[in-house]
PDB file of all heavy atoms in Angstrom:
ATOM      1  N   TRP A   1     -23.016  20.429   5.093  1.00  0.00           N
ATOM      2  CA  TRP A   1     -23.714  19.934   3.901  1.00  0.00           C
ATOM      3  C   TRP A   1     -22.967  18.725   3.311  1.00  0.00           C
ATOM      4  O   TRP A   1     -23.589  17.736   2.907  1.00  0.00           O
ATOM      5  CB  TRP A   1     -23.834  21.040   2.886  1.00  0.00           C
ATOM      6  CG  TRP A   1     -24.699  20.706   1.697  1.00  0.00           C
ATOM      7  CD1 TRP A   1     -26.020  20.963   1.556  1.00  0.00           C
ATOM      8  CD2 TRP A   1     -24.281  20.043   0.486  1.00  0.00           C
ATOM      9  NE1 TRP A   1     -26.472  20.509   0.332  1.00  0.00           N
ATOM     10  CE2 TRP A   1     -25.427  19.931  -0.329  1.00  0.00           C
ATOM     11  CE3 TRP A   1     -23.074  19.512   0.038  1.00  0.00           C
ATOM     12  CZ2 TRP A   1     -25.397  19.331  -1.588  1.00  0.00           C
ATOM     13  CZ3 TRP A   1     -23.033  18.898  -1.226  1.00  0.00           C
ATOM     14  CH2 TRP A   1     -24.161  18.824  -2.015  1.00  0.00           C
ATOM     15  N   LEU A   2     -21.644  18.829   3.260  1.00  0.00           N
ATOM     16  CA  LEU A   2     -20.856  17.707   2.736  1.00  0.00           C
ATOM     17  C   LEU A   2     -21.085  16.445   3.572  1.00  0.00           C
ATOM     18  O   LEU A   2     -21.211  15.333   3.042  1.00  0.00           O
ATOM     19  CB  LEU A   2     -19.369  18.072   2.730  1.00  0.00           C
ATOM     20  CG  LEU A   2     -18.919  19.168   1.756  1.00  0.00           C
ATOM     21  CD1 LEU A   2     -17.472  19.519   1.992  1.00  0.00           C
ATOM     22  CD2 LEU A   2     -19.140  18.736   0.308  1.00  0.00           C
ATOM     23  N   LYS A   3     -21.146  16.620   4.879  1.00  0.00           N
ATOM     24  CA  LYS A   3     -21.371  15.466   5.780  1.00  0.00           C
ATOM     25  C   LYS A   3     -22.753  14.884   5.560  1.00  0.00           C
ATOM     26  O   LYS A   3     -22.929  13.665   5.462  1.00  0.00           O
ATOM     27  CB  LYS A   3     -21.185  15.904   7.218  1.00  0.00           C
ATOM     28  CG  LYS A   3     -21.314  14.764   8.217  1.00  0.00           C
ATOM     29  CD  LYS A   3     -21.044  15.234   9.639  1.00  0.00           C
ATOM     30  CE  LYS A   3     -21.123  14.094  10.625  1.00  0.00           C
ATOM     31  NZ  LYS A   3     -20.832  14.557  12.019  1.00  0.00           N
ATOM     32  N   GLU A   4     -23.742  15.746   5.484  1.00  0.00           N
ATOM     33  CA  GLU A   4     -25.142  15.281   5.308  1.00  0.00           C
ATOM     34  C   GLU A   4     -25.318  14.542   3.977  1.00  0.00           C
ATOM     35  O   GLU A   4     -26.198  13.683   3.862  1.00  0.00           O
ATOM     36  CB  GLU A   4     -26.085  16.479   5.358  1.00  0.00           C
ATOM     37  CG  GLU A   4     -26.188  17.118   6.740  1.00  0.00           C
ATOM     38  CD  GLU A   4     -26.834  18.477   6.695  1.00  0.00           C
ATOM     39  OE1 GLU A   4     -27.272  18.899   5.586  1.00  0.00           O
ATOM     40  OE2 GLU A   4     -26.907  19.133   7.744  1.00  0.00           O
ATOM     41  N   ASN A   5     -24.490  14.867   3.006  1.00  0.00           N
ATOM     42  CA  ASN A   5     -24.633  14.252   1.689  1.00  0.00           C
ATOM     43  C   ASN A   5     -23.529  13.219   1.417  1.00  0.00           C
ATOM     44  O   ASN A   5     -23.259  12.869   0.263  1.00  0.00           O
ATOM     45  CB  ASN A   5     -24.617  15.332   0.605  1.00  0.00           C
ATOM     46  CG  ASN A   5     -25.900  16.152   0.593  1.00  0.00           C
ATOM     47  OD1 ASN A   5     -26.865  15.781  -0.048  1.00  0.00           O
ATOM     48  ND2 ASN A   5     -25.915  17.255   1.348  1.00  0.00           N
ATOM     49  N   ALA A   6     -22.908  12.734   2.502  1.00  0.00           N
ATOM     50  CA  ALA A   6     -21.916  11.651   2.428  1.00  0.00           C
ATOM     51  C   ALA A   6     -20.757  11.989   1.501  1.00  0.00           C
ATOM     52  O   ALA A   6     -20.203  11.114   0.809  1.00  0.00           O
ATOM     53  CB  ALA A   6     -22.584  10.360   1.987  1.00  0.00           C
ATOM     54  N   LEU A   7     -20.353  13.285   1.469  1.00  0.00           N
ATOM     55  CA  LEU A   7     -19.251  13.731   0.616  1.00  0.00           C
ATOM     56  C   LEU A   7     -18.026  14.197   1.403  1.00  0.00           C
ATOM     57  O   LEU A   7     -16.972  14.391   0.821  1.00  0.00           O
ATOM     58  CB  LEU A   7     -19.729  14.871  -0.291  1.00  0.00           C
ATOM     59  CG  LEU A   7     -20.723  14.491  -1.384  1.00  0.00           C
ATOM     60  CD1 LEU A   7     -21.293  15.747  -2.021  1.00  0.00           C
ATOM     61  CD2 LEU A   7     -20.073  13.596  -2.421  1.00  0.00           C
ATOM     62  N   ARG A   8     -18.195  14.388   2.688  1.00  0.00           N
ATOM     63  CA  ARG A   8     -17.109  15.003   3.454  1.00  0.00           C
ATOM     64  C   ARG A   8     -15.879  14.088   3.543  1.00  0.00           C
ATOM     65  O   ARG A   8     -14.744  14.586   3.502  1.00  0.00           O
ATOM     66  CB  ARG A   8     -17.611  15.355   4.858  1.00  0.00           C
ATOM     67  CG  ARG A   8     -16.592  16.150   5.653  1.00  0.00           C
ATOM     68  CD  ARG A   8     -17.267  16.821   6.816  1.00  0.00           C
ATOM     69  NE  ARG A   8     -16.311  17.204   7.849  1.00  0.00           N
ATOM     70  CZ  ARG A   8     -16.655  17.641   9.043  1.00  0.00           C
ATOM     71  NH1 ARG A   8     -17.910  17.802   9.363  1.00  0.00           N
ATOM     72  NH2 ARG A   8     -15.738  17.949   9.931  1.00  0.00           N
ATOM     73  N   ASP A   9     -16.089  12.788   3.612  1.00  0.00           N
ATOM     74  CA  ASP A   9     -14.981  11.878   3.818  1.00  0.00           C
ATOM     75  C   ASP A   9     -13.949  11.975   2.698  1.00  0.00           C
ATOM     76  O   ASP A   9     -12.752  12.018   2.950  1.00  0.00           O
ATOM     77  CB  ASP A   9     -15.498  10.440   3.929  1.00  0.00           C
ATOM     78  CG  ASP A   9     -14.417   9.480   4.400  1.00  0.00           C
ATOM     79  OD1 ASP A   9     -13.817   9.731   5.457  1.00  0.00           O
ATOM     80  OD2 ASP A   9     -14.150   8.487   3.678  1.00  0.00           O
ATOM     81  N   ASN A  10     -14.420  12.012   1.453  1.00  0.00           N
ATOM     82  CA  ASN A  10     -13.476  12.028   0.335  1.00  0.00           C
ATOM     83  C   ASN A  10     -13.429  13.377  -0.379  1.00  0.00           C
ATOM     84  O   ASN A  10     -13.238  13.475  -1.573  1.00  0.00           O
ATOM     85  CB  ASN A  10     -13.831  10.948  -0.695  1.00  0.00           C
ATOM     86  CG  ASN A  10     -12.646  10.625  -1.601  1.00  0.00           C
ATOM     87  OD1 ASN A  10     -11.497  10.708  -1.195  1.00  0.00           O
ATOM     88  ND2 ASN A  10     -12.937  10.287  -2.843  1.00  0.00           N
ATOM     89  N   THR A  11     -13.628  14.438   0.391  1.00  0.00           N
ATOM     90  CA  THR A  11     -13.449  15.794  -0.129  1.00  0.00           C
ATOM     91  C   THR A  11     -12.285  16.456   0.572  1.00  0.00           C
ATOM     92  O   THR A  11     -12.256  16.550   1.800  1.00  0.00           O
ATOM     93  CB  THR A  11     -14.724  16.642   0.066  1.00  0.00           C
ATOM     94  OG1 THR A  11     -15.804  16.076  -0.665  1.00  0.00           O
ATOM     95  CG2 THR A  11     -14.492  18.066  -0.385  1.00  0.00           C
ATOM     96  N   LEU A  12     -11.307  16.885  -0.232  1.00  0.00           N
ATOM     97  CA  LEU A  12     -10.155  17.609   0.290  1.00  0.00           C
ATOM     98  C   LEU A  12     -10.552  19.076   0.379  1.00  0.00           C
ATOM     99  O   LEU A  12     -10.847  19.714  -0.625  1.00  0.00           O
ATOM    100  CB  LEU A  12      -8.961  17.417  -0.632  1.00  0.00           C
ATOM    101  CG  LEU A  12      -7.602  17.940  -0.174  1.00  0.00           C
ATOM    102  CD1 LEU A  12      -6.487  17.196  -0.892  1.00  0.00           C
ATOM    103  CD2 LEU A  12      -7.436  19.451  -0.391  1.00  0.00           C
ATOM    104  N   LEU A  13     -10.567  19.593   1.599  1.00  0.00           N
ATOM    105  CA  LEU A  13     -10.960  20.984   1.873  1.00  0.00           C
ATOM    106  C   LEU A  13      -9.720  21.734   2.324  1.00  0.00           C
ATOM    107  O   LEU A  13      -9.079  21.353   3.310  1.00  0.00           O
ATOM    108  CB  LEU A  13     -12.041  20.994   2.948  1.00  0.00           C
ATOM    109  CG  LEU A  13     -12.857  22.264   3.172  1.00  0.00           C
ATOM    110  CD1 LEU A  13     -13.690  22.579   1.950  1.00  0.00           C
ATOM    111  CD2 LEU A  13     -13.756  22.092   4.384  1.00  0.00           C
ATOM    112  N   TRP A  14      -9.340  22.794   1.602  1.00  0.00           N
ATOM    113  CA  TRP A  14      -8.081  23.510   1.888  1.00  0.00           C
ATOM    114  C   TRP A  14      -8.420  24.972   2.082  1.00  0.00           C
ATOM    115  O   TRP A  14      -8.903  25.645   1.179  1.00  0.00           O
ATOM    116  CB  TRP A  14      -7.131  23.334   0.707  1.00  0.00           C
ATOM    117  CG  TRP A  14      -5.702  23.722   0.962  1.00  0.00           C
ATOM    118  CD1 TRP A  14      -5.226  24.677   1.827  1.00  0.00           C
ATOM    119  CD2 TRP A  14      -4.545  23.159   0.328  1.00  0.00           C
ATOM    120  NE1 TRP A  14      -3.855  24.744   1.776  1.00  0.00           N
ATOM    121  CE2 TRP A  14      -3.415  23.822   0.862  1.00  0.00           C
ATOM    122  CE3 TRP A  14      -4.371  22.183  -0.640  1.00  0.00           C
ATOM    123  CZ2 TRP A  14      -2.112  23.526   0.450  1.00  0.00           C
ATOM    124  CZ3 TRP A  14      -3.078  21.889  -1.052  1.00  0.00           C
ATOM    125  CH2 TRP A  14      -1.961  22.539  -0.520  1.00  0.00           C
ATOM    126  N   TYR A  15      -8.147  25.487   3.281  1.00  0.00           N
ATOM    127  CA  TYR A  15      -8.385  26.897   3.575  1.00  0.00           C
ATOM    128  C   TYR A  15      -7.059  27.628   3.738  1.00  0.00           C
ATOM    129  O   TYR A  15      -6.116  27.134   4.371  1.00  0.00           O
ATOM    130  CB  TYR A  15      -9.210  27.099   4.855  1.00  0.00           C
ATOM    131  CG  TYR A  15      -9.381  28.591   5.149  1.00  0.00           C
ATOM    132  CD1 TYR A  15     -10.362  29.324   4.518  1.00  0.00           C
ATOM    133  CD2 TYR A  15      -8.505  29.266   6.019  1.00  0.00           C
ATOM    134  CE1 TYR A  15     -10.472  30.687   4.702  1.00  0.00           C
ATOM    135  CE2 TYR A  15      -8.620  30.628   6.215  1.00  0.00           C
ATOM    136  CZ  TYR A  15      -9.594  31.336   5.568  1.00  0.00           C
ATOM    137  OH  TYR A  15      -9.702  32.691   5.749  1.00  0.00           O
ATOM    138  N   CYS A  16      -7.010  28.882   3.198  1.00  0.00           N
ATOM    139  CA  CYS A  16      -5.852  29.748   3.448  1.00  0.00           C
ATOM    140  C   CYS A  16      -6.250  31.209   3.260  1.00  0.00           C
ATOM    141  O   CYS A  16      -7.339  31.509   2.773  1.00  0.00           O
ATOM    142  CB  CYS A  16      -4.691  29.393   2.524  1.00  0.00           C
ATOM    143  SG  CYS A  16      -5.003  29.738   0.761  1.00  0.00           S
ATOM    144  N   GLY A  17      -5.367  32.122   3.657  1.00  0.00           N
ATOM    145  CA  GLY A  17      -5.526  33.543   3.370  1.00  0.00           C
ATOM    146  C   GLY A  17      -4.723  33.916   2.136  1.00  0.00           C
ATOM    147  O   GLY A  17      -3.894  33.126   1.654  1.00  0.00           O
ATOM    148  N   ASP A  18      -4.969  35.121   1.602  1.00  0.00           N
ATOM    149  CA  ASP A  18      -4.242  35.537   0.387  1.00  0.00           C
ATOM    150  C   ASP A  18      -3.050  36.444   0.680  1.00  0.00           C
ATOM    151  O   ASP A  18      -2.224  36.686  -0.215  1.00  0.00           O
ATOM    152  CB  ASP A  18      -5.195  36.181  -0.619  1.00  0.00           C
ATOM    153  CG  ASP A  18      -5.795  37.501  -0.124  1.00  0.00           C
ATOM    154  OD1 ASP A  18      -5.674  37.812   1.082  1.00  0.00           O
ATOM    155  OD2 ASP A  18      -6.421  38.206  -0.948  1.00  0.00           O
ATOM    156  N   ASN A  19      -2.979  36.996   1.867  1.00  0.00           N
ATOM    157  CA  ASN A  19      -1.820  37.807   2.260  1.00  0.00           C
ATOM    158  C   ASN A  19      -1.970  38.081   3.753  1.00  0.00           C
ATOM    159  O   ASN A  19      -2.943  37.709   4.400  1.00  0.00           O
ATOM    160  CB  ASN A  19      -1.696  39.108   1.481  1.00  0.00           C
ATOM    161  CG  ASN A  19      -2.968  39.915   1.403  1.00  0.00           C
ATOM    162  OD1 ASN A  19      -3.554  40.089   0.320  1.00  0.00           O
ATOM    163  ND2 ASN A  19      -3.428  40.450   2.518  1.00  0.00           N
ATOM    164  N   GLY A  20      -0.958  38.748   4.312  1.00  0.00           N
ATOM    165  CA  GLY A  20      -0.982  39.028   5.747  1.00  0.00           C
ATOM    166  C   GLY A  20      -2.033  40.051   6.139  1.00  0.00           C
ATOM    167  O   GLY A  20      -2.736  40.633   5.298  1.00  0.00           O
ATOM    168  N   THR A  21      -2.122  40.271   7.429  1.00  0.00           N
ATOM    169  CA  THR A  21      -3.100  41.175   8.003  1.00  0.00           C
ATOM    170  C   THR A  21      -2.809  42.633   7.650  1.00  0.00           C
ATOM    171  O   THR A  21      -1.665  43.063   7.725  1.00  0.00           O
ATOM    172  CB  THR A  21      -3.120  41.004   9.531  1.00  0.00           C
ATOM    173  OG1 THR A  21      -3.405  39.632   9.840  1.00  0.00           O
ATOM    174  CG2 THR A  21      -4.174  41.889  10.190  1.00  0.00           C
ATOM    175  N   PRO A  22      -3.827  43.416   7.280  1.00  0.00           N
ATOM    176  CA  PRO A  22      -3.599  44.848   6.997  1.00  0.00           C
ATOM    177  C   PRO A  22      -3.452  45.650   8.282  1.00  0.00           C
ATOM    178  O   PRO A  22      -3.519  45.127   9.408  1.00  0.00           O
ATOM    179  CB  PRO A  22      -4.882  45.239   6.246  1.00  0.00           C
ATOM    180  CG  PRO A  22      -5.920  44.303   6.725  1.00  0.00           C
ATOM    181  CD  PRO A  22      -5.207  43.002   7.006  1.00  0.00           C
ATOM    182  N   GLY A  23      -3.285  46.950   8.099  1.00  0.00           N
ATOM    183  CA  GLY A  23      -2.867  47.835   9.198  1.00  0.00           C
ATOM    184  C   GLY A  23      -3.813  47.874  10.367  1.00  0.00           C
ATOM    185  O   GLY A  23      -3.372  48.010  11.527  1.00  0.00           O
ATOM    186  N   ASP A  24      -5.117  47.768  10.138  1.00  0.00           N
ATOM    187  CA  ASP A  24      -6.047  47.830  11.274  1.00  0.00           C
ATOM    188  C   ASP A  24      -5.955  46.588  12.130  1.00  0.00           C
ATOM    189  O   ASP A  24      -5.964  46.652  13.374  1.00  0.00           O
ATOM    190  CB  ASP A  24      -7.481  48.061  10.813  1.00  0.00           C
ATOM    191  CG  ASP A  24      -7.905  47.122   9.695  1.00  0.00           C
ATOM    192  OD1 ASP A  24      -7.088  46.303   9.257  1.00  0.00           O
ATOM    193  OD2 ASP A  24      -9.066  47.235   9.238  1.00  0.00           O
ATOM    194  N   GLY A  25      -5.809  45.405  11.516  1.00  0.00           N
ATOM    195  CA  GLY A  25      -5.822  44.156  12.254  1.00  0.00           C
ATOM    196  C   GLY A  25      -4.541  43.801  12.967  1.00  0.00           C
ATOM    197  O   GLY A  25      -4.541  42.940  13.845  1.00  0.00           O
ATOM    198  N   ILE A  26      -3.419  44.466  12.617  1.00  0.00           N
ATOM    199  CA  ILE A  26      -2.145  44.062  13.196  1.00  0.00           C
ATOM    200  C   ILE A  26      -1.982  44.491  14.646  1.00  0.00           C
ATOM    201  O   ILE A  26      -0.967  44.186  15.276  1.00  0.00           O
ATOM    202  CB  ILE A  26      -0.953  44.618  12.382  1.00  0.00           C
ATOM    203  CG1 ILE A  26      -0.940  46.152  12.359  1.00  0.00           C
ATOM    204  CG2 ILE A  26      -0.951  44.054  10.977  1.00  0.00           C
ATOM    205  CD1 ILE A  26       0.326  46.734  11.801  1.00  0.00           C
ATOM    206  N   VAL A  27      -2.981  45.156  15.186  1.00  0.00           N
ATOM    207  CA  VAL A  27      -2.899  45.591  16.583  1.00  0.00           C
ATOM    208  C   VAL A  27      -2.674  44.412  17.528  1.00  0.00           C
ATOM    209  O   VAL A  27      -2.079  44.571  18.594  1.00  0.00           O
ATOM    210  CB  VAL A  27      -4.181  46.375  16.980  1.00  0.00           C
ATOM    211  CG1 VAL A  27      -5.410  45.494  16.934  1.00  0.00           C
ATOM    212  CG2 VAL A  27      -4.048  47.015  18.346  1.00  0.00           C
ATOM    213  N   THR A  28      -3.113  43.226  17.156  1.00  0.00           N
ATOM    214  CA  THR A  28      -2.951  42.061  18.011  1.00  0.00           C
ATOM    215  C   THR A  28      -1.854  41.113  17.535  1.00  0.00           C
ATOM    216  O   THR A  28      -1.578  40.093  18.158  1.00  0.00           O
ATOM    217  CB  THR A  28      -4.254  41.256  18.062  1.00  0.00           C
ATOM    218  OG1 THR A  28      -4.580  40.807  16.748  1.00  0.00           O
ATOM    219  CG2 THR A  28      -5.396  42.089  18.625  1.00  0.00           C
ATOM    220  N   SER A  29      -1.181  41.444  16.421  1.00  0.00           N
ATOM    221  CA  SER A  29      -0.230  40.508  15.814  1.00  0.00           C
ATOM    222  C   SER A  29       1.108  40.500  16.527  1.00  0.00           C
ATOM    223  O   SER A  29       1.655  41.554  16.909  1.00  0.00           O
ATOM    224  CB  SER A  29      -0.003  40.877  14.339  1.00  0.00           C
ATOM    225  OG  SER A  29       0.971  40.017  13.763  1.00  0.00           O
ATOM    226  N   GLU A  30       1.654  39.317  16.674  1.00  0.00           N
ATOM    227  CA  GLU A  30       3.009  39.156  17.252  1.00  0.00           C
ATOM    228  C   GLU A  30       4.075  39.154  16.154  1.00  0.00           C
ATOM    229  O   GLU A  30       5.253  39.262  16.471  1.00  0.00           O
ATOM    230  CB  GLU A  30       3.077  37.858  18.050  1.00  0.00           C
ATOM    231  CG  GLU A  30       2.157  37.810  19.277  1.00  0.00           C
ATOM    232  CD  GLU A  30       2.261  36.504  20.015  1.00  0.00           C
ATOM    233  OE1 GLU A  30       3.026  35.625  19.557  1.00  0.00           O
ATOM    234  OE2 GLU A  30       1.581  36.345  21.043  1.00  0.00           O
ATOM    235  N   LEU A  31       3.658  39.014  14.924  1.00  0.00           N
ATOM    236  CA  LEU A  31       4.609  38.952  13.813  1.00  0.00           C
ATOM    237  C   LEU A  31       4.980  40.367  13.331  1.00  0.00           C
ATOM    238  O   LEU A  31       4.168  41.278  13.399  1.00  0.00           O
ATOM    239  CB  LEU A  31       4.036  38.153  12.659  1.00  0.00           C
ATOM    240  CG  LEU A  31       3.664  36.713  12.956  1.00  0.00           C
ATOM    241  CD1 LEU A  31       3.040  36.066  11.716  1.00  0.00           C
ATOM    242  CD2 LEU A  31       4.888  35.907  13.385  1.00  0.00           C
ATOM    243  N   ARG A  32       6.190  40.496  12.836  1.00  0.00           N
ATOM    244  CA  ARG A  32       6.641  41.764  12.296  1.00  0.00           C
ATOM    245  C   ARG A  32       6.020  41.987  10.923  1.00  0.00           C
ATOM    246  O   ARG A  32       5.883  41.071  10.112  1.00  0.00           O
ATOM    247  CB  ARG A  32       8.153  41.757  12.148  1.00  0.00           C
ATOM    248  CG  ARG A  32       8.744  43.059  11.584  1.00  0.00           C
ATOM    249  CD  ARG A  32      10.238  42.978  11.496  1.00  0.00           C
ATOM    250  NE  ARG A  32      10.809  44.199  10.924  1.00  0.00           N
ATOM    251  CZ  ARG A  32      12.112  44.373  10.695  1.00  0.00           C
ATOM    252  NH1 ARG A  32      12.988  43.427  11.032  1.00  0.00           N
ATOM    253  NH2 ARG A  32      12.556  45.505  10.182  1.00  0.00           N
ATOM    254  N   GLY A  33       5.632  43.224  10.633  1.00  0.00           N
ATOM    255  CA  GLY A  33       5.146  43.579   9.312  1.00  0.00           C
ATOM    256  C   GLY A  33       3.652  43.369   9.156  1.00  0.00           C
ATOM    257  O   GLY A  33       2.956  42.940  10.068  1.00  0.00           O
ATOM    258  N   GLN A  34       3.194  43.663   7.942  1.00  0.00           N
ATOM    259  CA  GLN A  34       1.771  43.598   7.623  1.00  0.00           C
ATOM    260  C   GLN A  34       1.601  43.419   6.122  1.00  0.00           C
ATOM    261  O   GLN A  34       2.583  43.354   5.365  1.00  0.00           O
ATOM    262  CB  GLN A  34       1.069  44.858   8.069  1.00  0.00           C
ATOM    263  CG  GLN A  34       1.540  46.118   7.345  1.00  0.00           C
ATOM    264  CD  GLN A  34       0.892  47.384   7.855  1.00  0.00           C
ATOM    265  OE1 GLN A  34       1.159  47.822   8.978  1.00  0.00           O
ATOM    266  NE2 GLN A  34       0.041  47.984   7.046  1.00  0.00           N
ATOM    267  N   LYS A  35       0.352  43.315   5.679  1.00  0.00           N
ATOM    268  CA  LYS A  35       0.035  43.239   4.260  1.00  0.00           C
ATOM    269  C   LYS A  35       0.854  44.279   3.477  1.00  0.00           C
ATOM    270  O   LYS A  35       0.915  45.450   3.850  1.00  0.00           O
ATOM    271  CB  LYS A  35      -1.445  43.513   4.054  1.00  0.00           C
ATOM    272  CG  LYS A  35      -1.869  43.616   2.592  1.00  0.00           C
ATOM    273  CD  LYS A  35      -3.334  43.990   2.453  1.00  0.00           C
ATOM    274  CE  LYS A  35      -3.707  44.171   0.989  1.00  0.00           C
ATOM    275  NZ  LYS A  35      -5.147  44.530   0.819  1.00  0.00           N
ATOM    276  N   GLY A  36       1.503  43.837   2.423  1.00  0.00           N
ATOM    277  CA  GLY A  36       2.256  44.753   1.562  1.00  0.00           C
ATOM    278  C   GLY A  36       3.741  44.638   1.717  1.00  0.00           C
ATOM    279  O   GLY A  36       4.478  45.177   0.872  1.00  0.00           O
ATOM    280  N   ASN A  37       4.243  43.978   2.782  1.00  0.00           N
ATOM    281  CA  ASN A  37       5.695  43.797   2.864  1.00  0.00           C
ATOM    282  C   ASN A  37       6.043  42.330   3.075  1.00  0.00           C
ATOM    283  O   ASN A  37       5.158  41.488   3.232  1.00  0.00           O
ATOM    284  CB  ASN A  37       6.310  44.690   3.950  1.00  0.00           C
ATOM    285  CG  ASN A  37       5.829  44.350   5.354  1.00  0.00           C
ATOM    286  OD1 ASN A  37       5.845  43.210   5.772  1.00  0.00           O
ATOM    287  ND2 ASN A  37       5.397  45.372   6.089  1.00  0.00           N
ATOM    288  N   LEU A  38       7.337  42.016   3.048  1.00  0.00           N
ATOM    289  CA  LEU A  38       7.777  40.636   2.998  1.00  0.00           C
ATOM    290  C   LEU A  38       8.255  40.072   4.348  1.00  0.00           C
ATOM    291  O   LEU A  38       8.852  39.016   4.414  1.00  0.00           O
ATOM    292  CB  LEU A  38       8.904  40.476   1.957  1.00  0.00           C
ATOM    293  CG  LEU A  38       8.466  40.768   0.524  1.00  0.00           C
ATOM    294  CD1 LEU A  38       9.642  40.616  -0.430  1.00  0.00           C
ATOM    295  CD2 LEU A  38       7.330  39.848   0.095  1.00  0.00           C
ATOM    296  N   TYR A  39       7.980  40.817   5.427  1.00  0.00           N
ATOM    297  CA  TYR A  39       8.193  40.231   6.740  1.00  0.00           C
ATOM    298  C   TYR A  39       7.071  39.226   7.020  1.00  0.00           C
ATOM    299  O   TYR A  39       6.085  39.164   6.286  1.00  0.00           O
ATOM    300  CB  TYR A  39       8.254  41.326   7.806  1.00  0.00           C
ATOM    301  CG  TYR A  39       9.415  42.278   7.618  1.00  0.00           C
ATOM    302  CD1 TYR A  39       9.191  43.608   7.283  1.00  0.00           C
ATOM    303  CD2 TYR A  39      10.718  41.851   7.734  1.00  0.00           C
ATOM    304  CE1 TYR A  39      10.257  44.507   7.089  1.00  0.00           C
ATOM    305  CE2 TYR A  39      11.798  42.726   7.553  1.00  0.00           C
ATOM    306  CZ  TYR A  39      11.554  44.055   7.236  1.00  0.00           C
ATOM    307  OH  TYR A  39      12.600  44.912   7.040  1.00  0.00           O
ATOM    308  N   GLU A  40       7.227  38.456   8.076  1.00  0.00           N
ATOM    309  CA  GLU A  40       6.294  37.373   8.356  1.00  0.00           C
ATOM    310  C   GLU A  40       4.832  37.856   8.407  1.00  0.00           C
ATOM    311  O   GLU A  40       3.931  37.168   7.962  1.00  0.00           O
ATOM    312  CB  GLU A  40       6.663  36.654   9.647  1.00  0.00           C
ATOM    313  CG  GLU A  40       7.982  35.914   9.599  1.00  0.00           C
ATOM    314  CD  GLU A  40       7.964  34.701   8.704  1.00  0.00           C
ATOM    315  OE1 GLU A  40       7.448  33.648   9.148  1.00  0.00           O
ATOM    316  OE2 GLU A  40       8.459  34.787   7.564  1.00  0.00           O
ATOM    317  N   GLY A  41       4.605  39.032   8.976  1.00  0.00           N
ATOM    318  CA  GLY A  41       3.257  39.540   9.087  1.00  0.00           C
ATOM    319  C   GLY A  41       2.609  39.859   7.760  1.00  0.00           C
ATOM    320  O   GLY A  41       1.389  40.017   7.679  1.00  0.00           O
TER     321      GLY A  41
END
């Protein structure tokens, strides 16, 4: 939509998560830890 309306060029779009992966999703994670602790995961 931004592209179609000539807004994408000068729009700063910033994506991020709010915390690490919870217990169900960490099955594939290479990082130590999960949501709720201070390790990388």
